[in-house]
């Protein structure tokens, strides 16, 4: 069984952690890795450069739609980055993910 990793950018470490905590509490994800990044992007006719925090969360493919909807509801950005990445891992890790989510 393969699973997905979802890459979600946030405006602060605290925001990323709140997002991860909510998704964990709802058992939509098995785990989250949170790390800082430097982002450059087009926004409202200009090029913006900001420091952001990524929450890289892992879940089953069946949770994708519910996870995407939940993040869209609670995320502070007008247009949040919610990117799904199909991944495969060792069987024991994939089994742990299946057991950790609903």
PDB file of N, CA and C in Angstrom:
ATOM      1  N   UNK A   1       0.840  -1.186   0.000  1.00  0.00           N
ATOM      2  CA  UNK A   1       0.000   0.000   0.000  1.00  0.00           C
ATOM      3  C   UNK A   1       0.877   1.238   0.000  1.00  0.00           C
ATOM      4  N   UNK A   2       0.592   2.157  -0.851  1.00  0.00           N
ATOM      5  CA  UNK A   2       1.283   3.434  -0.802  1.00  0.00           C
ATOM      6  C   UNK A   2       0.423   4.409  -0.017  1.00  0.00           C
ATOM      7  N   UNK A   3       1.002   5.530   0.328  1.00  0.00           N
ATOM      8  CA  UNK A   3       0.284   6.551   1.088  1.00  0.00           C
ATOM      9  C   UNK A   3       0.640   7.907   0.516  1.00  0.00           C
ATOM     10  N   UNK A   4       0.197   8.966   1.167  1.00  0.00           N
ATOM     11  CA  UNK A   4       0.515  10.300   0.671  1.00  0.00           C
ATOM     12  C   UNK A   4       1.212  11.113   1.756  1.00  0.00           C
ATOM     13  N   UNK A   5       2.048  12.019   1.292  1.00  0.00           N
ATOM     14  CA  UNK A   5       2.607  13.077   2.125  1.00  0.00           C
ATOM     15  C   UNK A   5       1.992  14.367   1.591  1.00  0.00           C
ATOM     16  N   UNK A   6       1.596  15.239   2.493  1.00  0.00           N
ATOM     17  CA  UNK A   6       0.973  16.491   2.076  1.00  0.00           C
ATOM     18  C   UNK A   6       1.837  17.639   2.600  1.00  0.00           C
ATOM     19  N   UNK A   7       2.224  18.504   1.676  1.00  0.00           N
ATOM     20  CA  UNK A   7       3.116  19.636   1.927  1.00  0.00           C
ATOM     21  C   UNK A   7       2.241  20.874   2.101  1.00  0.00           C
ATOM     22  N   UNK A   8       2.299  21.479   3.296  1.00  0.00           N
ATOM     23  CA  UNK A   8       1.439  22.627   3.601  1.00  0.00           C
ATOM     24  C   UNK A   8       2.305  23.753   4.157  1.00  0.00           C
ATOM     25  N   UNK A   9       2.314  24.913   3.482  1.00  0.00           N
ATOM     26  CA  UNK A   9       3.089  26.041   3.985  1.00  0.00           C
ATOM     27  C   UNK A   9       2.259  26.851   4.984  1.00  0.00           C
ATOM     28  N   UNK A  10       2.972  27.464   5.943  1.00  0.00           N
ATOM     29  CA  UNK A  10       2.342  28.233   7.021  1.00  0.00           C
ATOM     30  C   UNK A  10       3.152  29.494   7.292  1.00  0.00           C
ATOM     31  N   UNK A  11       2.506  30.480   7.897  1.00  0.00           N
ATOM     32  CA  UNK A  11       3.177  31.753   8.141  1.00  0.00           C
ATOM     33  C   UNK A  11       4.083  31.752   9.369  1.00  0.00           C
ATOM     34  N   UNK A  12       3.935  30.760  10.243  1.00  0.00           N
ATOM     35  CA  UNK A  12       4.771  30.718  11.448  1.00  0.00           C
ATOM     36  C   UNK A  12       4.889  29.287  11.945  1.00  0.00           C
ATOM     37  N   UNK A  13       5.846  29.062  12.799  1.00  0.00           N
ATOM     38  CA  UNK A  13       6.008  27.739  13.418  1.00  0.00           C
ATOM     39  C   UNK A  13       4.768  27.402  14.238  1.00  0.00           C
ATOM     40  N   UNK A  14       4.254  28.392  14.944  1.00  0.00           N
ATOM     41  CA  UNK A  14       3.074  28.170  15.786  1.00  0.00           C
ATOM     42  C   UNK A  14       1.860  27.782  14.939  1.00  0.00           C
ATOM     43  N   UNK A  15       1.683  28.443  13.823  1.00  0.00           N
ATOM     44  CA  UNK A  15       0.573  28.133  12.926  1.00  0.00           C
ATOM     45  C   UNK A  15       0.705  26.715  12.380  1.00  0.00           C
ATOM     46  N   UNK A  16       1.906  26.342  11.970  1.00  0.00           N
ATOM     47  CA  UNK A  16       2.145  24.988  11.460  1.00  0.00           C
ATOM     48  C   UNK A  16       1.871  23.952  12.547  1.00  0.00           C
ATOM     49  N   UNK A  17       2.284  24.246  13.774  1.00  0.00           N
ATOM     50  CA  UNK A  17       2.069  23.305  14.869  1.00  0.00           C
ATOM     51  C   UNK A  17       0.585  23.177  15.214  1.00  0.00           C
ATOM     52  N   UNK A  18      -0.136  24.305  15.213  1.00  0.00           N
ATOM     53  CA  UNK A  18      -1.593  24.258  15.465  1.00  0.00           C
ATOM     54  C   UNK A  18      -2.293  23.411  14.402  1.00  0.00           C
ATOM     55  N   UNK A  19      -1.901  23.611  13.153  1.00  0.00           N
ATOM     56  CA  UNK A  19      -2.472  22.841  12.062  1.00  0.00           C
ATOM     57  C   UNK A  19      -2.205  21.350  12.268  1.00  0.00           C
ATOM     58  N   UNK A  20      -0.959  21.003  12.543  1.00  0.00           N
ATOM     59  CA  UNK A  20      -0.598  19.599  12.763  1.00  0.00           C
ATOM     60  C   UNK A  20      -1.352  19.024  13.957  1.00  0.00           C
ATOM     61  N   UNK A  21      -1.434  19.781  15.040  1.00  0.00           N
ATOM     62  CA  UNK A  21      -2.138  19.305  16.235  1.00  0.00           C
ATOM     63  C   UNK A  21      -3.615  19.027  15.936  1.00  0.00           C
ATOM     64  N   UNK A  22      -4.246  19.900  15.162  1.00  0.00           N
ATOM     65  CA  UNK A  22      -5.651  19.706  14.794  1.00  0.00           C
ATOM     66  C   UNK A  22      -5.824  18.462  13.947  1.00  0.00           C
ATOM     67  N   UNK A  23      -4.968  18.293  12.953  1.00  0.00           N
ATOM     68  CA  UNK A  23      -5.063  17.126  12.075  1.00  0.00           C
ATOM     69  C   UNK A  23      -4.776  15.838  12.824  1.00  0.00           C
ATOM     70  N   UNK A  24      -3.846  15.890  13.775  1.00  0.00           N
ATOM     71  CA  UNK A  24      -3.566  14.718  14.613  1.00  0.00           C
ATOM     72  C   UNK A  24      -4.758  14.399  15.511  1.00  0.00           C
ATOM     73  N   UNK A  25      -5.328  15.412  16.140  1.00  0.00           N
ATOM     74  CA  UNK A  25      -6.468  15.203  17.035  1.00  0.00           C
ATOM     75  C   UNK A  25      -7.654  14.603  16.286  1.00  0.00           C
ATOM     76  N   UNK A  26      -7.837  15.014  15.031  1.00  0.00           N
ATOM     77  CA  UNK A  26      -8.917  14.481  14.201  1.00  0.00           C
ATOM     78  C   UNK A  26      -8.549  13.141  13.564  1.00  0.00           C
ATOM     79  N   UNK A  27      -7.334  12.667  13.822  1.00  0.00           N
ATOM     80  CA  UNK A  27      -6.799  11.412  13.270  1.00  0.00           C
ATOM     81  C   UNK A  27      -6.831  11.394  11.738  1.00  0.00           C
ATOM     82  N   UNK A  28      -6.655  12.590  11.159  1.00  0.00           N
ATOM     83  CA  UNK A  28      -6.549  12.679   9.706  1.00  0.00           C
ATOM     84  C   UNK A  28      -5.134  12.397   9.225  1.00  0.00           C
ATOM     85  N   UNK A  29      -4.152  12.509  10.125  1.00  0.00           N
ATOM     86  CA  UNK A  29      -2.754  12.247   9.784  1.00  0.00           C
ATOM     87  C   UNK A  29      -2.127  11.349  10.848  1.00  0.00           C
ATOM     88  N   UNK A  30      -1.062  10.675  10.447  1.00  0.00           N
ATOM     89  CA  UNK A  30      -0.311   9.844  11.385  1.00  0.00           C
ATOM     90  C   UNK A  30       0.793  10.645  12.070  1.00  0.00           C
ATOM     91  N   UNK A  31       1.372  11.589  11.341  1.00  0.00           N
ATOM     92  CA  UNK A  31       2.456  12.388  11.907  1.00  0.00           C
ATOM     93  C   UNK A  31       2.696  13.626  11.049  1.00  0.00           C
ATOM     94  N   UNK A  32       3.498  14.531  11.585  1.00  0.00           N
ATOM     95  CA  UNK A  32       3.853  15.758  10.875  1.00  0.00           C
ATOM     96  C   UNK A  32       5.305  16.108  11.158  1.00  0.00           C
ATOM     97  N   UNK A  33       5.985  16.573  10.132  1.00  0.00           N
ATOM     98  CA  UNK A  33       7.314  17.155  10.282  1.00  0.00           C
ATOM     99  C   UNK A  33       7.172  18.638   9.983  1.00  0.00           C
ATOM    100  N   UNK A  34       7.732  19.473  10.835  1.00  0.00           N
ATOM    101  CA  UNK A  34       7.610  20.923  10.682  1.00  0.00           C
ATOM    102  C   UNK A  34       9.012  21.511  10.557  1.00  0.00           C
ATOM    103  N   UNK A  35       9.221  22.309   9.504  1.00  0.00           N
ATOM    104  CA  UNK A  35      10.553  22.877   9.290  1.00  0.00           C
ATOM    105  C   UNK A  35      10.464  24.226   8.594  1.00  0.00           C
ATOM    106  N   UNK A  36      11.473  25.089   8.804  1.00  0.00           N
ATOM    107  CA  UNK A  36      11.469  26.428   8.199  1.00  0.00           C
ATOM    108  C   UNK A  36      11.932  26.387   6.748  1.00  0.00           C
ATOM    109  N   UNK A  37      11.379  27.331   5.956  1.00  0.00           N
ATOM    110  CA  UNK A  37      11.797  27.501   4.562  1.00  0.00           C
ATOM    111  C   UNK A  37      11.856  28.987   4.235  1.00  0.00           C
ATOM    112  N   UNK A  38      12.510  29.306   3.145  1.00  0.00           N
ATOM    113  CA  UNK A  38      12.493  30.643   2.579  1.00  0.00           C
ATOM    114  C   UNK A  38      11.710  30.550   1.280  1.00  0.00           C
ATOM    115  N   UNK A  39      10.661  31.364   1.148  1.00  0.00           N
ATOM    116  CA  UNK A  39       9.774  31.278  -0.012  1.00  0.00           C
ATOM    117  C   UNK A  39       9.850  32.550  -0.856  1.00  0.00           C
ATOM    118  N   UNK A  40       9.835  32.376  -2.156  1.00  0.00           N
ATOM    119  CA  UNK A  40       9.739  33.482  -3.116  1.00  0.00           C
ATOM    120  C   UNK A  40       8.590  33.146  -4.051  1.00  0.00           C
ATOM    121  N   UNK A  41       7.693  34.131  -4.282  1.00  0.00           N
ATOM    122  CA  UNK A  41       6.500  33.829  -5.067  1.00  0.00           C
ATOM    123  C   UNK A  41       5.858  35.111  -5.600  1.00  0.00           C
ATOM    124  N   UNK A  42       5.025  34.942  -6.625  1.00  0.00           N
ATOM    125  CA  UNK A  42       4.235  36.045  -7.163  1.00  0.00           C
ATOM    126  C   UNK A  42       3.025  36.246  -6.272  1.00  0.00           C
ATOM    127  N   UNK A  43       2.757  37.509  -5.889  1.00  0.00           N
ATOM    128  CA  UNK A  43       1.573  37.802  -5.091  1.00  0.00           C
ATOM    129  C   UNK A  43       1.105  39.219  -5.364  1.00  0.00           C
ATOM    130  N   UNK A  44      -0.101  39.346  -5.866  1.00  0.00           N
ATOM    131  CA  UNK A  44      -0.744  40.630  -6.117  1.00  0.00           C
ATOM    132  C   UNK A  44       0.116  41.560  -6.972  1.00  0.00           C
ATOM    133  N   UNK A  45       0.703  40.996  -8.039  1.00  0.00           N
ATOM    134  CA  UNK A  45       1.472  41.787  -8.983  1.00  0.00           C
ATOM    135  C   UNK A  45       2.920  42.020  -8.609  1.00  0.00           C
ATOM    136  N   UNK A  46       3.346  41.539  -7.468  1.00  0.00           N
ATOM    137  CA  UNK A  46       4.730  41.713  -7.025  1.00  0.00           C
ATOM    138  C   UNK A  46       5.371  40.349  -6.779  1.00  0.00           C
ATOM    139  N   UNK A  47       6.674  40.386  -6.591  1.00  0.00           N
ATOM    140  CA  UNK A  47       7.386  39.187  -6.150  1.00  0.00           C
ATOM    141  C   UNK A  47       7.631  39.346  -4.659  1.00  0.00           C
ATOM    142  N   UNK A  48       7.145  38.377  -3.902  1.00  0.00           N
ATOM    143  CA  UNK A  48       7.279  38.410  -2.450  1.00  0.00           C
ATOM    144  C   UNK A  48       8.339  37.415  -2.008  1.00  0.00           C
ATOM    145  N   UNK A  49       8.971  37.733  -0.908  1.00  0.00           N
ATOM    146  CA  UNK A  49       9.941  36.830  -0.285  1.00  0.00           C
ATOM    147  C   UNK A  49       9.624  36.814   1.200  1.00  0.00           C
ATOM    148  N   UNK A  50       9.375  35.626   1.716  1.00  0.00           N
ATOM    149  CA  UNK A  50       8.984  35.476   3.115  1.00  0.00           C
ATOM    150  C   UNK A  50       9.645  34.253   3.719  1.00  0.00           C
ATOM    151  N   UNK A  51       9.736  34.252   5.012  1.00  0.00           N
ATOM    152  CA  UNK A  51      10.088  33.047   5.752  1.00  0.00           C
ATOM    153  C   UNK A  51       8.784  32.353   6.108  1.00  0.00           C
ATOM    154  N   UNK A  52       8.720  31.064   5.847  1.00  0.00           N
ATOM    155  CA  UNK A  52       7.533  30.284   6.145  1.00  0.00           C
ATOM    156  C   UNK A  52       7.941  29.004   6.867  1.00  0.00           C
ATOM    157  N   UNK A  53       6.938  28.262   7.281  1.00  0.00           N
ATOM    158  CA  UNK A  53       7.134  26.967   7.927  1.00  0.00           C
ATOM    159  C   UNK A  53       6.295  25.943   7.188  1.00  0.00           C
ATOM    160  N   UNK A  54       6.886  24.809   6.914  1.00  0.00           N
ATOM    161  CA  UNK A  54       6.177  23.731   6.224  1.00  0.00           C
ATOM    162  C   UNK A  54       5.753  22.677   7.234  1.00  0.00           C
ATOM    163  N   UNK A  55       4.521  22.239   7.101  1.00  0.00           N
ATOM    164  CA  UNK A  55       4.066  21.029   7.783  1.00  0.00           C
ATOM    165  C   UNK A  55       3.987  19.956   6.706  1.00  0.00           C
ATOM    166  N   UNK A  56       4.832  18.960   6.814  1.00  0.00           N
ATOM    167  CA  UNK A  56       4.799  17.819   5.905  1.00  0.00           C
ATOM    168  C   UNK A  56       4.111  16.699   6.667  1.00  0.00           C
ATOM    169  N   UNK A  57       2.880  16.395   6.271  1.00  0.00           N
ATOM    170  CA  UNK A  57       2.060  15.445   7.022  1.00  0.00           C
ATOM    171  C   UNK A  57       1.881  14.165   6.220  1.00  0.00           C
ATOM    172  N   UNK A  58       1.726  13.050   6.933  1.00  0.00           N
ATOM    173  CA  UNK A  58       1.575  11.748   6.270  1.00  0.00           C
ATOM    174  C   UNK A  58       0.239  11.135   6.632  1.00  0.00           C
ATOM    175  N   UNK A  59      -0.423  10.576   5.604  1.00  0.00           N
ATOM    176  CA  UNK A  59      -1.736   9.976   5.805  1.00  0.00           C
ATOM    177  C   UNK A  59      -2.021   8.984   4.688  1.00  0.00           C
ATOM    178  N   UNK A  60      -3.183   8.369   4.755  1.00  0.00           N
ATOM    179  CA  UNK A  60      -3.615   7.452   3.705  1.00  0.00           C
ATOM    180  C   UNK A  60      -4.246   8.241   2.555  1.00  0.00           C
ATOM    181  N   UNK A  61      -4.276   7.632   1.387  1.00  0.00           N
ATOM    182  CA  UNK A  61      -4.882   8.281   0.221  1.00  0.00           C
ATOM    183  C   UNK A  61      -6.368   8.554   0.452  1.00  0.00           C
ATOM    184  N   UNK A  62      -7.025   7.695   1.211  1.00  0.00           N
ATOM    185  CA  UNK A  62      -8.459   7.872   1.448  1.00  0.00           C
ATOM    186  C   UNK A  62      -8.768   9.102   2.297  1.00  0.00           C
ATOM    187  N   UNK A  63      -7.791   9.630   3.008  1.00  0.00           N
ATOM    188  CA  UNK A  63      -8.003  10.830   3.826  1.00  0.00           C
ATOM    189  C   UNK A  63      -7.750  12.133   3.072  1.00  0.00           C
ATOM    190  N   UNK A  64      -7.309  12.074   1.823  1.00  0.00           N
ATOM    191  CA  UNK A  64      -6.905  13.267   1.076  1.00  0.00           C
ATOM    192  C   UNK A  64      -8.012  14.320   1.027  1.00  0.00           C
ATOM    193  N   UNK A  65      -9.192  13.958   0.619  1.00  0.00           N
ATOM    194  CA  UNK A  65     -10.250  14.963   0.449  1.00  0.00           C
ATOM    195  C   UNK A  65     -10.629  15.580   1.790  1.00  0.00           C
ATOM    196  N   UNK A  66     -10.807  14.765   2.812  1.00  0.00           N
ATOM    197  CA  UNK A  66     -11.149  15.306   4.141  1.00  0.00           C
ATOM    198  C   UNK A  66     -10.029  16.187   4.689  1.00  0.00           C
ATOM    199  N   UNK A  67      -8.774  15.769   4.496  1.00  0.00           N
ATOM    200  CA  UNK A  67      -7.641  16.567   4.973  1.00  0.00           C
ATOM    201  C   UNK A  67      -7.596  17.914   4.260  1.00  0.00           C
ATOM    202  N   UNK A  68      -7.746  17.887   2.938  1.00  0.00           N
ATOM    203  CA  UNK A  68      -7.712  19.116   2.145  1.00  0.00           C
ATOM    204  C   UNK A  68      -8.825  20.070   2.575  1.00  0.00           C
ATOM    205  N   UNK A  69     -10.014  19.540   2.807  1.00  0.00           N
ATOM    206  CA  UNK A  69     -11.129  20.376   3.257  1.00  0.00           C
ATOM    207  C   UNK A  69     -10.868  20.963   4.636  1.00  0.00           C
ATOM    208  N   UNK A  70     -10.339  20.159   5.561  1.00  0.00           N
ATOM    209  CA  UNK A  70     -10.063  20.642   6.914  1.00  0.00           C
ATOM    210  C   UNK A  70      -9.003  21.733   6.896  1.00  0.00           C
ATOM    211  N   UNK A  71      -7.927  21.520   6.153  1.00  0.00           N
ATOM    212  CA  UNK A  71      -6.870  22.533   6.072  1.00  0.00           C
ATOM    213  C   UNK A  71      -7.437  23.823   5.483  1.00  0.00           C
ATOM    214  N   UNK A  72      -8.231  23.724   4.437  1.00  0.00           N
ATOM    215  CA  UNK A  72      -8.824  24.918   3.827  1.00  0.00           C
ATOM    216  C   UNK A  72      -9.695  25.688   4.814  1.00  0.00           C
ATOM    217  N   UNK A  73     -10.379  24.978   5.703  1.00  0.00           N
ATOM    218  CA  UNK A  73     -11.247  25.620   6.702  1.00  0.00           C
ATOM    219  C   UNK A  73     -10.463  26.373   7.771  1.00  0.00           C
ATOM    220  N   UNK A  74      -9.327  25.815   8.204  1.00  0.00           N
ATOM    221  CA  UNK A  74      -8.638  26.372   9.378  1.00  0.00           C
ATOM    222  C   UNK A  74      -7.372  27.156   9.050  1.00  0.00           C
ATOM    223  N   UNK A  75      -6.913  27.098   7.815  1.00  0.00           N
ATOM    224  CA  UNK A  75      -5.644  27.747   7.451  1.00  0.00           C
ATOM    225  C   UNK A  75      -5.815  29.261   7.364  1.00  0.00           C
ATOM    226  N   UNK A  76      -4.833  30.041   7.867  1.00  0.00           N
ATOM    227  CA  UNK A  76      -4.964  31.501   7.841  1.00  0.00           C
ATOM    228  C   UNK A  76      -4.744  32.146   6.460  1.00  0.00           C
ATOM    229  N   UNK A  77      -4.111  31.461   5.523  1.00  0.00           N
ATOM    230  CA  UNK A  77      -3.860  32.044   4.206  1.00  0.00           C
ATOM    231  C   UNK A  77      -5.139  32.096   3.369  1.00  0.00           C
ATOM    232  N   UNK A  78      -5.249  33.121   2.503  1.00  0.00           N
ATOM    233  CA  UNK A  78      -6.349  33.189   1.542  1.00  0.00           C
ATOM    234  C   UNK A  78      -6.284  32.012   0.563  1.00  0.00           C
ATOM    235  N   UNK A  79      -5.066  31.701   0.138  1.00  0.00           N
ATOM    236  CA  UNK A  79      -4.842  30.594  -0.799  1.00  0.00           C
ATOM    237  C   UNK A  79      -3.737  29.706  -0.218  1.00  0.00           C
ATOM    238  N   UNK A  80      -4.102  28.754   0.624  1.00  0.00           N
ATOM    239  CA  UNK A  80      -3.063  27.903   1.217  1.00  0.00           C
ATOM    240  C   UNK A  80      -2.472  26.934   0.189  1.00  0.00           C
ATOM    241  N   UNK A  81      -1.218  26.608   0.372  1.00  0.00           N
ATOM    242  CA  UNK A  81      -0.545  25.590  -0.430  1.00  0.00           C
ATOM    243  C   UNK A  81      -0.806  24.243   0.248  1.00  0.00           C
ATOM    244  N   UNK A  82      -1.543  23.376  -0.438  1.00  0.00           N
ATOM    245  CA  UNK A  82      -1.848  22.040   0.081  1.00  0.00           C
ATOM    246  C   UNK A  82      -1.520  21.066  -1.051  1.00  0.00           C
ATOM    247  N   UNK A  83      -0.306  20.531  -1.062  1.00  0.00           N
ATOM    248  CA  UNK A  83       0.158  19.700  -2.178  1.00  0.00           C
ATOM    249  C   UNK A  83       0.243  18.239  -1.763  1.00  0.00           C
ATOM    250  N   UNK A  84      -0.406  17.385  -2.528  1.00  0.00           N
ATOM    251  CA  UNK A  84      -0.387  15.940  -2.284  1.00  0.00           C
ATOM    252  C   UNK A  84       0.765  15.312  -3.057  1.00  0.00           C
ATOM    253  N   UNK A  85       1.518  14.459  -2.372  1.00  0.00           N
ATOM    254  CA  UNK A  85       2.638  13.744  -2.983  1.00  0.00           C
ATOM    255  C   UNK A  85       2.426  12.255  -2.721  1.00  0.00           C
ATOM    256  N   UNK A  86       2.280  11.467  -3.782  1.00  0.00           N
ATOM    257  CA  UNK A  86       2.162  10.019  -3.619  1.00  0.00           C
ATOM    258  C   UNK A  86       3.528   9.451  -3.274  1.00  0.00           C
ATOM    259  N   UNK A  87       3.573   8.631  -2.229  1.00  0.00           N
ATOM    260  CA  UNK A  87       4.844   8.062  -1.777  1.00  0.00           C
ATOM    261  C   UNK A  87       4.676   6.582  -1.431  1.00  0.00           C
ATOM    262  N   UNK A  88       5.792   5.912  -1.378  1.00  0.00           N
ATOM    263  CA  UNK A  88       5.857   4.529  -0.906  1.00  0.00           C
ATOM    264  C   UNK A  88       6.955   4.448   0.128  1.00  0.00           C
ATOM    265  N   UNK A  89       6.786   3.545   1.082  1.00  0.00           N
ATOM    266  CA  UNK A  89       7.794   3.367   2.126  1.00  0.00           C
ATOM    267  C   UNK A  89       7.874   1.888   2.480  1.00  0.00           C
ATOM    268  N   UNK A  90       8.704   1.586   3.453  1.00  0.00           N
ATOM    269  CA  UNK A  90       8.786   0.219   3.924  1.00  0.00           C
ATOM    270  C   UNK A  90       7.435  -0.199   4.520  1.00  0.00           C
ATOM    271  N   UNK A  91       7.112  -1.485   4.396  1.00  0.00           N
ATOM    272  CA  UNK A  91       5.798  -2.003   4.792  1.00  0.00           C
ATOM    273  C   UNK A  91       5.462  -1.688   6.249  1.00  0.00           C
ATOM    274  N   UNK A  92       6.424  -1.799   7.147  1.00  0.00           N
ATOM    275  CA  UNK A  92       6.152  -1.542   8.568  1.00  0.00           C
ATOM    276  C   UNK A  92       5.712  -0.092   8.791  1.00  0.00           C
ATOM    277  N   UNK A  93       6.355   0.847   8.095  1.00  0.00           N
ATOM    278  CA  UNK A  93       5.986   2.264   8.239  1.00  0.00           C
ATOM    279  C   UNK A  93       4.596   2.520   7.662  1.00  0.00           C
ATOM    280  N   UNK A  94       4.316   1.953   6.497  1.00  0.00           N
ATOM    281  CA  UNK A  94       3.001   2.130   5.890  1.00  0.00           C
ATOM    282  C   UNK A  94       1.906   1.522   6.766  1.00  0.00           C
ATOM    283  N   UNK A  95       2.180   0.401   7.379  1.00  0.00           N
ATOM    284  CA  UNK A  95       1.216  -0.224   8.282  1.00  0.00           C
ATOM    285  C   UNK A  95       0.961   0.677   9.490  1.00  0.00           C
ATOM    286  N   UNK A  96       2.014   1.288  10.019  1.00  0.00           N
ATOM    287  CA  UNK A  96       1.860   2.214  11.154  1.00  0.00           C
ATOM    288  C   UNK A  96       0.971   3.393  10.763  1.00  0.00           C
ATOM    289  N   UNK A  97       1.147   3.920   9.557  1.00  0.00           N
ATOM    290  CA  UNK A  97       0.300   5.023   9.091  1.00  0.00           C
ATOM    291  C   UNK A  97      -1.164   4.576   9.030  1.00  0.00           C
ATOM    292  N   UNK A  98      -1.418   3.424   8.432  1.00  0.00           N
ATOM    293  CA  UNK A  98      -2.805   2.919   8.336  1.00  0.00           C
ATOM    294  C   UNK A  98      -3.433   2.774   9.728  1.00  0.00           C
ATOM    295  N   UNK A  99      -2.663   2.309  10.689  1.00  0.00           N
ATOM    296  CA  UNK A  99      -3.175   2.083  12.045  1.00  0.00           C
ATOM    297  C   UNK A  99      -3.363   3.397  12.816  1.00  0.00           C
ATOM    298  N   UNK A 100      -2.700   4.449  12.404  1.00  0.00           N
ATOM    299  CA  UNK A 100      -2.699   5.707  13.150  1.00  0.00           C
ATOM    300  C   UNK A 100      -3.808   6.676  12.750  1.00  0.00           C
ATOM    301  N   UNK A 101      -4.434   6.439  11.603  1.00  0.00           N
ATOM    302  CA  UNK A 101      -5.460   7.357  11.113  1.00  0.00           C
ATOM    303  C   UNK A 101      -6.809   6.663  11.044  1.00  0.00           C
ATOM    304  N   UNK A 102      -7.850   7.462  10.888  1.00  0.00           N
ATOM    305  CA  UNK A 102      -9.201   6.917  10.695  1.00  0.00           C
ATOM    306  C   UNK A 102      -9.594   7.062   9.254  1.00  0.00           C
TER     307      UNK A 102
END
